[in-house]
Amino acid sequence: MVAITGVLKGSSADRKGIRPGDLLISVNGHPIADILDYRFYLCEKLLSVSLSRGGEEYTVRIKKDEYDDIGLEFETFLMDKKHSCRNKCIFCFIDQLPRGMRDTLYFKDDDSRLSFLQGNYITMTNLTDDDVSRIIKMKMSPINISVHTTNPELRVFMLKNPKAASSLAYMQRFAEAGTEMNCQIVLCRGVNDGAELERTMHDLACMHPAVIHVSIVPAGMTRFREENKLYPLTPFSEQEARDVIRKVEAFAEQCLRHYGTRIFYVGDEFYQQAGLPIPDAQYYEDFHAIEDGVGMIASMKQEFEDALADAEPDEALTREISVATGKAAYGFLCGLAEKFREKYPNVKIHIYEIENRYFGETVTVAGLLTGRDLKEQLLGKPLGETLYISSNMLRYEEDLFLCGMHIDELSEALGAEIRTCPSDGYEFFDRLLGI
């Protein structure tokens, strides 16, 4: 049973007399435990909804269109608590956080429902056979899975969970049922690279077309790893990063010839570590893994260039602005600014590369920069009328940095308006125009 916290005025539930505080028991005889049950069984046009009020059960019947909601609200989005992660992965970024940050930053989720609803990655170690059957029955697809390796013993070592081995079998069940999977491999130097990576790619390719794509990204390491007494991972060298790219691209080309799709893609960070150019947008096909940092720069570059090509030159446009980013995107954004100035020569753009002193210099992505580092490194610099930052830097209700600083506090300290921008080339072009 799930407690109802609100009923939308004028909704089907309201008209049937359902009230806040009632308990939802079942829909068409199916018990309701969480949001997935609720949404799945709510798709029927004729509903028999069983509820409880003050210990007395009652039933209402509702007629509606197939995908219409009935107007019930619940305490949480999932209708119960998130399922927390039971692993102790050797590369876990949360374990590398310093003490004293917001409590919510230390929560590790491993919830299959969020994989389907919000795109979160799961390891499957929390799943039971019944969970897998429900995913298949409800056609929850695609599921995002953190694989890392298909070697059962190595996966147990990497996740520090005995279920890491047996849970790999769930992928075969998903494949046989036609449940699509997006997969991720966090590559750890000397652990799941080399021959182990080749094995994993081969095993996952054999599950295509159920396995849609696989993103391969380097393990992120902060300066707190040693302090927190974690497994001694070390970053890939430039040559090692090149070797990874060469290995993955070669296998992906085989997949392209055999399946008509590359399946396997290397994250943008690997190209930056290797000092190699990122492929053009066409290489990434449908950008399946863009939310995982795979092809993000190529997509943004293509969008920006398309927007620039469609725009008219304007020498009368005069403004001075600034952009703050991490080491990873600095050169790329400098290139976009140069192209922009060819059409708008009187727009002065300052691009600032911010070193991540909070988490350590090996963390180079803009999304993990803190307000503290921005303040220290931009104070006294010419910022112009507006400072633009990546919207990924803000984590809580779109106004707090990871260090807890409010965006308004940073704006006041720097004496400049601050606006955020998503990783979208069209949006970035509009920001430079002042739109």
Protein backbone atom coordinates (compact mmCIF):
# COMPACT_ATOMS: atom_id res chain seq x y z
CA MET A 1 0.00 0.00 0.00
CA VAL A 2 1.13 3.52 -0.82
CA ALA A 3 -0.02 6.69 0.96
CA ILE A 4 -1.70 9.33 -1.21
CA THR A 5 -0.46 12.81 -0.31
CA GLY A 6 -2.50 14.86 -2.78
CA VAL A 7 -5.39 14.72 -5.23
CA LEU A 8 -5.51 17.15 -8.15
CA LYS A 9 -8.64 19.24 -8.14
CA GLY A 10 -11.04 18.31 -10.93
CA SER A 11 -9.20 15.05 -11.71
CA SER A 12 -10.81 11.62 -12.07
CA ALA A 13 -9.63 10.72 -8.56
CA ASP A 14 -11.09 13.94 -7.15
CA ARG A 15 -14.45 13.34 -8.80
CA LYS A 16 -14.54 9.82 -7.34
CA GLY A 17 -13.98 11.14 -3.81
CA ILE A 18 -10.41 9.93 -3.25
CA ARG A 19 -8.72 12.05 -0.56
CA PRO A 20 -5.20 12.81 0.65
CA GLY A 21 -4.31 10.34 3.39
CA ASP A 22 -6.04 7.41 1.68
CA LEU A 23 -3.90 4.36 0.95
CA LEU A 24 -3.67 2.99 -2.59
CA ILE A 25 -3.86 -0.81 -2.49
CA SER A 26 -4.27 -2.05 -6.06
CA VAL A 27 -5.31 -1.20 -9.61
CA ASN A 28 -7.39 -3.82 -11.45
CA GLY A 29 -6.37 -6.35 -8.82
CA HIS A 30 -2.65 -5.70 -9.17
CA PRO A 31 -0.91 -4.62 -5.93
CA ILE A 32 0.85 -1.26 -6.21
CA ALA A 33 4.30 -1.06 -4.60
CA ASP A 34 5.95 1.74 -6.53
CA ILE A 35 5.77 4.11 -9.49
CA LEU A 36 6.40 1.39 -12.07
CA ASP A 37 3.44 -0.70 -10.92
CA TYR A 38 1.31 2.43 -10.81
CA ARG A 39 2.19 3.67 -14.31
CA PHE A 40 2.03 0.24 -15.91
CA TYR A 41 -1.40 -0.74 -14.60
CA LEU A 42 -2.79 2.77 -15.01
CA CYS A 43 -2.64 2.41 -18.80
CA GLU A 44 -5.92 0.49 -18.88
CA LYS A 45 -9.01 2.43 -19.97
CA LEU A 46 -11.23 0.91 -17.28
CA LEU A 47 -9.81 0.93 -13.76
CA SER A 48 -10.93 -0.68 -10.56
CA VAL A 49 -8.96 1.14 -7.88
CA SER A 50 -8.86 -0.37 -4.38
CA LEU A 51 -8.08 1.96 -1.50
CA SER A 52 -8.19 2.16 2.27
CA ARG A 53 -9.39 5.00 4.49
CA GLY A 54 -9.24 4.77 8.26
CA GLY A 55 -8.77 1.02 8.09
CA GLU A 56 -11.81 0.51 5.85
CA GLU A 57 -11.28 -0.64 2.28
CA TYR A 58 -13.30 0.79 -0.61
CA THR A 59 -13.20 0.62 -4.40
CA VAL A 60 -13.82 3.20 -7.12
CA ARG A 61 -14.21 2.61 -10.84
CA ILE A 62 -12.70 5.04 -13.33
CA LYS A 63 -13.15 5.26 -17.10
CA LYS A 64 -10.47 7.21 -18.95
CA ASP A 65 -8.33 7.38 -22.07
CA GLU A 66 -5.44 4.92 -22.24
CA TYR A 67 -2.58 7.18 -21.15
CA ASP A 68 -4.49 9.68 -19.01
CA ASP A 69 -3.44 10.20 -15.40
CA ILE A 70 -6.08 10.04 -12.66
CA GLY A 71 -4.64 12.81 -10.47
CA LEU A 72 -3.02 11.12 -7.49
CA GLU A 73 0.12 12.52 -5.84
CA PHE A 74 2.58 10.68 -3.61
CA GLU A 75 5.28 11.63 -1.12
CA THR A 76 8.19 10.71 -3.40
CA PHE A 77 8.71 10.36 -7.14
CA LEU A 78 9.28 6.60 -6.84
CA MET A 79 6.48 6.20 -4.24
CA ASP A 80 9.07 4.62 -1.94
CA LYS A 81 12.77 4.99 -1.12
CA LYS A 82 15.57 4.77 -3.68
CA HIS A 83 17.49 1.50 -3.71
CA SER A 84 21.00 2.24 -2.54
CA CYS A 85 24.13 0.67 -3.97
CA ARG A 86 25.59 -2.31 -2.09
CA ASN A 87 28.84 -2.37 -4.03
CA LYS A 88 32.22 -1.00 -3.07
CA CYS A 89 33.55 -0.36 -6.55
CA ILE A 90 37.29 0.28 -6.72
CA PHE A 91 36.67 3.32 -8.96
CA CYS A 92 33.63 4.80 -7.17
CA PHE A 93 33.75 8.60 -7.40
CA ILE A 94 31.56 9.09 -4.33
CA ASP A 95 34.11 7.28 -2.17
CA GLN A 96 36.64 9.89 -3.32
CA LEU A 97 34.68 12.88 -2.07
CA PRO A 98 36.06 14.93 0.82
CA ARG A 99 34.22 15.05 4.13
CA GLY A 100 31.81 17.84 4.95
CA MET A 101 29.83 18.06 1.70
CA ARG A 102 26.02 17.87 1.45
CA ASP A 103 24.61 14.53 2.65
CA THR A 104 22.81 13.95 -0.66
CA LEU A 105 26.16 13.82 -2.49
CA TYR A 106 27.19 10.70 -0.58
CA PHE A 107 24.11 8.66 -1.51
CA LYS A 108 24.84 5.90 -4.03
CA ASP A 109 21.81 4.75 -6.00
CA ASP A 110 21.59 1.46 -7.87
CA ASP A 111 17.90 1.52 -8.71
CA SER A 112 16.60 -0.22 -11.84
CA ARG A 113 13.52 2.02 -11.83
CA LEU A 114 15.71 5.11 -12.18
CA SER A 115 17.59 3.40 -14.99
CA PHE A 116 14.37 3.28 -16.98
CA LEU A 117 12.86 6.57 -15.82
CA GLN A 118 15.91 8.83 -15.64
CA GLY A 119 18.73 7.03 -17.45
CA ASN A 120 20.78 6.10 -14.36
CA TYR A 121 23.23 3.22 -14.69
CA ILE A 122 22.77 0.10 -12.54
CA THR A 123 25.09 -2.81 -11.78
CA MET A 124 22.21 -5.34 -11.44
CA THR A 125 23.62 -6.56 -8.09
CA ASN A 126 20.45 -5.25 -6.40
CA LEU A 127 18.15 -7.19 -8.72
CA THR A 128 16.32 -10.41 -7.92
CA ASP A 129 14.88 -12.90 -10.38
CA ASP A 130 11.45 -11.38 -9.71
CA ASP A 131 12.80 -7.90 -10.47
CA VAL A 132 14.14 -9.11 -13.80
CA SER A 133 10.83 -10.76 -14.63
CA ARG A 134 8.99 -7.52 -13.83
CA ILE A 135 11.35 -5.48 -16.03
CA ILE A 136 10.69 -7.86 -18.92
CA LYS A 137 6.94 -8.01 -18.31
CA MET A 138 6.62 -4.22 -18.16
CA LYS A 139 8.84 -3.79 -21.23
CA MET A 140 11.14 -1.42 -19.36
CA SER A 141 13.53 -0.65 -22.18
CA PRO A 142 16.25 0.42 -22.54
CA ILE A 143 17.99 -0.44 -19.28
CA ASN A 144 21.33 1.26 -18.60
CA ILE A 145 23.85 -1.19 -17.18
CA SER A 146 27.29 -0.62 -15.66
CA VAL A 147 29.10 -3.70 -16.94
CA HIS A 148 32.82 -2.84 -16.59
CA THR A 149 33.82 -6.42 -17.36
CA THR A 150 32.17 -9.68 -18.40
CA ASN A 151 34.79 -11.71 -16.54
CA PRO A 152 32.78 -12.89 -13.48
CA GLU A 153 35.76 -13.13 -11.10
CA LEU A 154 37.14 -9.77 -12.17
CA ARG A 155 33.72 -8.13 -11.81
CA VAL A 156 33.49 -9.40 -8.23
CA PHE A 157 36.89 -7.86 -7.57
CA MET A 158 35.98 -4.54 -9.15
CA LEU A 159 32.56 -4.20 -7.49
CA LYS A 160 33.50 -5.94 -4.22
CA ASN A 161 30.18 -7.77 -4.28
CA PRO A 162 29.70 -11.56 -4.70
CA LYS A 163 26.53 -10.93 -6.74
CA ALA A 164 28.57 -9.08 -9.35
CA ALA A 165 29.30 -12.43 -11.03
CA SER A 166 25.87 -14.08 -11.02
CA SER A 167 24.05 -10.86 -11.97
CA LEU A 168 25.78 -10.90 -15.37
CA ALA A 169 23.35 -13.69 -16.34
CA TYR A 170 20.51 -11.17 -16.20
CA MET A 171 21.87 -9.53 -19.33
CA GLN A 172 21.31 -12.72 -21.29
CA ARG A 173 17.71 -12.88 -20.02
CA PHE A 174 17.18 -9.29 -21.12
CA ALA A 175 18.68 -10.02 -24.53
CA GLU A 176 16.49 -13.10 -25.07
CA ALA A 177 13.40 -11.07 -24.12
CA GLY A 178 14.31 -8.22 -26.47
CA THR A 179 14.93 -5.76 -23.63
CA GLU A 180 17.42 -3.24 -25.00
CA MET A 181 20.52 -2.31 -23.00
CA ASN A 182 22.87 0.66 -23.00
CA CYS A 183 26.13 -0.35 -21.36
CA GLN A 184 29.05 1.41 -19.72
CA ILE A 185 32.61 0.32 -19.04
CA VAL A 186 34.58 2.42 -16.56
CA LEU A 187 38.11 1.55 -17.60
CA CYS A 188 40.70 1.18 -14.85
CA ARG A 189 44.35 1.10 -15.81
CA GLY A 190 45.85 -2.38 -15.29
CA VAL A 191 42.54 -3.88 -14.17
CA ASN A 192 39.90 -4.27 -16.90
CA ASP A 193 41.84 -2.90 -19.88
CA GLY A 194 43.98 -4.80 -22.40
CA ALA A 195 42.89 -8.38 -23.00
CA GLU A 196 40.06 -8.04 -20.47
CA LEU A 197 38.59 -5.14 -22.46
CA GLU A 198 38.80 -7.20 -25.63
CA ARG A 199 36.92 -10.04 -23.92
CA THR A 200 34.23 -7.69 -22.63
CA MET A 201 33.70 -6.05 -26.02
CA HIS A 202 33.43 -9.43 -27.71
CA ASP A 203 30.90 -10.73 -25.17
CA LEU A 204 28.73 -7.61 -25.39
CA ALA A 205 28.85 -7.53 -29.18
CA CYS A 206 27.42 -11.03 -29.20
CA MET A 207 24.30 -9.62 -27.45
CA HIS A 208 23.59 -7.10 -30.21
CA PRO A 209 20.96 -5.91 -31.15
CA ALA A 210 19.81 -6.04 -27.52
CA VAL A 211 23.01 -4.22 -26.56
CA ILE A 212 22.54 -0.92 -28.39
CA HIS A 213 25.76 0.82 -27.47
CA VAL A 214 28.66 0.61 -25.05
CA SER A 215 30.48 3.69 -23.77
CA ILE A 216 34.03 3.29 -22.52
CA VAL A 217 35.19 6.03 -20.15
CA PRO A 218 38.26 6.43 -17.92
CA ALA A 219 37.91 6.10 -14.15
CA GLY A 220 37.78 9.51 -12.51
CA MET A 221 40.26 10.10 -9.70
CA THR A 222 40.29 12.90 -7.15
CA ARG A 223 43.14 13.98 -4.87
CA PHE A 224 41.32 12.34 -1.96
CA ARG A 225 41.80 8.72 -3.18
CA GLU A 226 44.92 8.07 -1.12
CA GLU A 227 43.57 9.96 1.87
CA ASN A 228 40.41 7.82 1.82
CA LYS A 229 42.58 4.65 1.60
CA LEU A 230 41.11 3.39 -1.68
CA TYR A 231 42.45 0.93 -4.24
CA PRO A 232 45.58 2.48 -5.81
CA LEU A 233 44.36 3.39 -9.29
CA THR A 234 46.55 5.50 -11.55
CA PRO A 235 45.56 7.48 -14.68
CA PHE A 236 46.29 6.37 -18.24
CA SER A 237 49.32 7.97 -19.85
CA GLU A 238 48.97 9.72 -23.20
CA GLN A 239 50.30 6.67 -25.06
CA GLU A 240 48.11 4.27 -23.05
CA ALA A 241 45.05 6.38 -23.84
CA ARG A 242 45.98 6.19 -27.53
CA ASP A 243 46.27 2.42 -27.26
CA VAL A 244 42.78 2.21 -25.73
CA ILE A 245 41.32 4.35 -28.51
CA ARG A 246 43.05 2.32 -31.21
CA LYS A 247 41.80 -0.97 -29.70
CA VAL A 248 38.19 0.21 -29.32
CA GLU A 249 37.99 1.91 -32.71
CA ALA A 250 39.37 -1.18 -34.46
CA PHE A 251 36.78 -3.42 -32.80
CA ALA A 252 34.03 -0.86 -33.47
CA GLU A 253 34.90 -0.90 -37.18
CA GLN A 254 34.48 -4.68 -37.20
CA CYS A 255 31.04 -4.22 -35.61
CA LEU A 256 30.16 -1.58 -38.21
CA ARG A 257 30.94 -4.00 -41.03
CA HIS A 258 29.13 -6.90 -39.37
CA TYR A 259 26.15 -5.21 -37.66
CA GLY A 260 25.88 -1.86 -39.42
CA THR A 261 26.68 0.05 -36.21
CA ARG A 262 29.85 0.62 -34.21
CA ILE A 263 28.25 -0.25 -30.83
CA PHE A 264 31.45 0.74 -28.94
CA TYR A 265 32.51 4.34 -28.36
CA VAL A 266 35.27 5.94 -26.34
CA GLY A 267 34.47 8.87 -24.07
CA ASP A 268 35.68 12.36 -25.01
CA GLU A 269 38.07 12.38 -22.03
CA PHE A 270 40.13 9.57 -23.56
CA TYR A 271 40.71 11.58 -26.74
CA GLN A 272 41.76 14.57 -24.65
CA GLN A 273 44.14 12.45 -22.56
CA ALA A 274 45.59 11.00 -25.76
CA GLY A 275 46.01 14.41 -27.39
CA LEU A 276 43.96 13.19 -30.38
CA PRO A 277 41.18 15.02 -32.24
CA ILE A 278 37.64 13.95 -31.42
CA PRO A 279 35.82 12.37 -34.40
CA ASP A 280 33.23 14.36 -36.34
CA ALA A 281 29.55 14.19 -35.42
CA GLN A 282 28.79 11.60 -38.14
CA TYR A 283 31.06 9.09 -36.39
CA TYR A 284 28.71 8.90 -33.38
CA GLU A 285 25.69 7.84 -35.43
CA ASP A 286 22.65 8.71 -33.26
CA PHE A 287 24.66 9.92 -30.24
CA HIS A 288 23.28 7.11 -28.08
CA ALA A 289 25.82 7.75 -25.31
CA ILE A 290 25.96 11.54 -25.28
CA GLU A 291 24.70 11.70 -21.68
CA ASP A 292 27.74 9.61 -20.75
CA GLY A 293 30.15 12.17 -22.21
CA VAL A 294 30.57 10.26 -25.47
CA GLY A 295 30.38 12.52 -28.51
CA MET A 296 29.28 15.55 -26.52
CA ILE A 297 31.98 17.80 -27.98
CA ALA A 298 31.34 16.59 -31.53
CA SER A 299 27.62 17.24 -31.15
CA MET A 300 28.11 20.69 -29.67
CA LYS A 301 30.62 21.59 -32.41
CA GLN A 302 28.22 20.54 -35.16
CA GLU A 303 25.32 22.44 -33.59
CA PHE A 304 27.42 25.59 -33.09
CA GLU A 305 28.72 25.54 -36.66
CA ASP A 306 25.20 25.04 -38.03
CA ALA A 307 23.93 27.99 -35.98
CA LEU A 308 26.86 30.14 -37.09
CA ALA A 309 26.36 29.24 -40.76
CA ASP A 310 22.69 30.30 -40.62
CA ALA A 311 23.44 33.63 -38.88
CA GLU A 312 24.09 36.94 -40.59
CA PRO A 313 27.35 38.85 -39.87
CA ASP A 314 26.88 41.87 -37.61
CA GLU A 315 29.77 44.29 -37.07
CA ALA A 316 27.45 46.52 -35.03
CA LEU A 317 27.12 43.93 -32.26
CA THR A 318 29.40 45.06 -29.46
CA ARG A 319 29.73 43.33 -26.10
CA GLU A 320 32.33 41.88 -23.72
CA ILE A 321 31.65 38.55 -22.03
CA SER A 322 33.50 35.65 -20.44
CA VAL A 323 33.25 31.87 -20.29
CA ALA A 324 34.72 29.70 -17.52
CA THR A 325 35.34 26.01 -18.15
CA GLY A 326 37.55 23.09 -17.18
CA LYS A 327 40.78 21.99 -18.80
CA ALA A 328 39.01 19.35 -20.90
CA ALA A 329 36.84 21.79 -22.87
CA TYR A 330 39.09 24.87 -22.80
CA GLY A 331 40.76 24.44 -26.20
CA PHE A 332 37.48 23.43 -27.82
CA LEU A 333 35.64 26.52 -26.54
CA CYS A 334 38.53 28.75 -27.60
CA GLY A 335 38.09 27.39 -31.11
CA LEU A 336 34.35 28.13 -31.11
CA ALA A 337 35.00 31.67 -29.86
CA GLU A 338 37.47 32.29 -32.69
CA LYS A 339 34.93 31.17 -35.30
CA PHE A 340 32.29 33.37 -33.69
CA ARG A 341 34.53 36.45 -33.84
CA GLU A 342 34.96 36.01 -37.60
CA LYS A 343 31.31 37.08 -38.01
CA TYR A 344 31.09 39.29 -34.93
CA PRO A 345 34.51 41.00 -34.68
CA ASN A 346 33.38 43.51 -32.03
CA VAL A 347 32.37 40.88 -29.48
CA LYS A 348 35.18 40.36 -26.98
CA ILE A 349 35.15 36.90 -25.41
CA HIS A 350 37.38 35.86 -22.51
CA ILE A 351 37.69 32.06 -22.18
CA TYR A 352 39.10 31.06 -18.79
CA GLU A 353 40.53 27.63 -18.01
CA ILE A 354 39.78 26.79 -14.38
CA GLU A 355 42.01 24.28 -12.61
CA ASN A 356 40.11 21.92 -10.35
CA ARG A 357 41.97 22.49 -7.09
CA TYR A 358 39.06 21.20 -5.03
CA PHE A 359 39.08 17.64 -6.40
CA GLY A 360 42.56 17.69 -7.93
CA GLU A 361 44.13 18.53 -11.27
CA THR A 362 43.32 15.11 -12.77
CA VAL A 363 39.62 16.07 -12.71
CA THR A 364 39.27 18.19 -15.86
CA VAL A 365 35.55 18.26 -16.75
CA ALA A 366 33.59 21.47 -16.29
CA GLY A 367 30.74 19.74 -14.47
CA LEU A 368 32.92 19.04 -11.43
CA LEU A 369 34.23 22.57 -10.97
CA THR A 370 33.24 24.27 -7.73
CA GLY A 371 32.22 27.80 -6.88
CA ARG A 372 35.27 28.01 -4.64
CA ASP A 373 37.69 27.39 -7.54
CA LEU A 374 35.78 29.75 -9.82
CA LYS A 375 35.93 32.50 -7.21
CA GLU A 376 39.64 32.09 -6.45
CA GLN A 377 40.74 31.94 -10.08
CA LEU A 378 38.43 34.55 -11.60
CA LEU A 379 38.66 37.23 -8.93
CA GLY A 380 40.12 40.38 -10.47
CA LYS A 381 39.91 39.04 -14.04
CA PRO A 382 38.00 40.98 -16.73
CA LEU A 383 34.62 39.25 -17.02
CA GLY A 384 32.62 41.73 -19.08
CA GLU A 385 28.89 42.10 -18.77
CA THR A 386 28.19 38.39 -18.21
CA LEU A 387 30.08 35.28 -17.10
CA TYR A 388 28.81 32.04 -18.64
CA ILE A 389 29.31 28.67 -16.95
CA SER A 390 28.15 25.14 -17.73
CA SER A 391 24.78 24.28 -16.22
CA ASN A 392 26.35 20.95 -15.20
CA MET A 393 28.31 22.78 -12.47
CA LEU A 394 25.11 23.30 -10.48
CA ARG A 395 23.76 20.28 -8.72
CA TYR A 396 20.96 21.17 -6.32
CA GLU A 397 17.85 23.00 -7.51
CA GLU A 398 20.11 24.62 -10.13
CA ASP A 399 21.65 27.13 -7.73
CA LEU A 400 24.33 25.34 -5.65
CA PHE A 401 27.81 24.22 -6.66
CA LEU A 402 29.24 20.94 -5.36
CA CYS A 403 31.15 22.82 -2.66
CA GLY A 404 27.87 24.25 -1.36
CA MET A 405 28.40 27.80 -2.64
CA HIS A 406 25.28 29.50 -4.01
CA ILE A 407 25.52 30.96 -7.50
CA ASP A 408 24.38 34.34 -6.17
CA GLU A 409 27.28 34.32 -3.68
CA LEU A 410 29.73 33.78 -6.53
CA SER A 411 28.07 36.49 -8.61
CA GLU A 412 28.37 38.98 -5.75
CA ALA A 413 32.01 38.07 -5.06
CA LEU A 414 33.00 38.50 -8.72
CA GLY A 415 30.81 41.51 -9.34
CA ALA A 416 29.35 40.01 -12.49
CA GLU A 417 26.11 38.54 -13.74
CA ILE A 418 26.40 34.76 -14.09
CA ARG A 419 24.34 32.76 -16.56
CA THR A 420 24.38 29.03 -17.16
CA CYS A 421 24.49 27.26 -20.49
CA PRO A 422 23.75 23.60 -21.34
CA SER A 423 26.09 21.52 -23.49
CA ASP A 424 24.22 22.51 -26.62
CA GLY A 425 25.87 24.30 -29.54
CA TYR A 426 22.76 26.28 -30.50
CA GLU A 427 22.26 27.47 -26.93
CA PHE A 428 25.94 28.42 -26.60
CA PHE A 429 25.77 30.43 -29.83
CA ASP A 430 22.71 32.30 -28.53
CA ARG A 431 24.51 33.04 -25.24
CA LEU A 432 27.41 34.61 -27.12
CA LEU A 433 24.92 36.75 -29.04
CA GLY A 434 23.34 37.84 -25.77
CA ILE A 435 20.05 36.07 -26.35
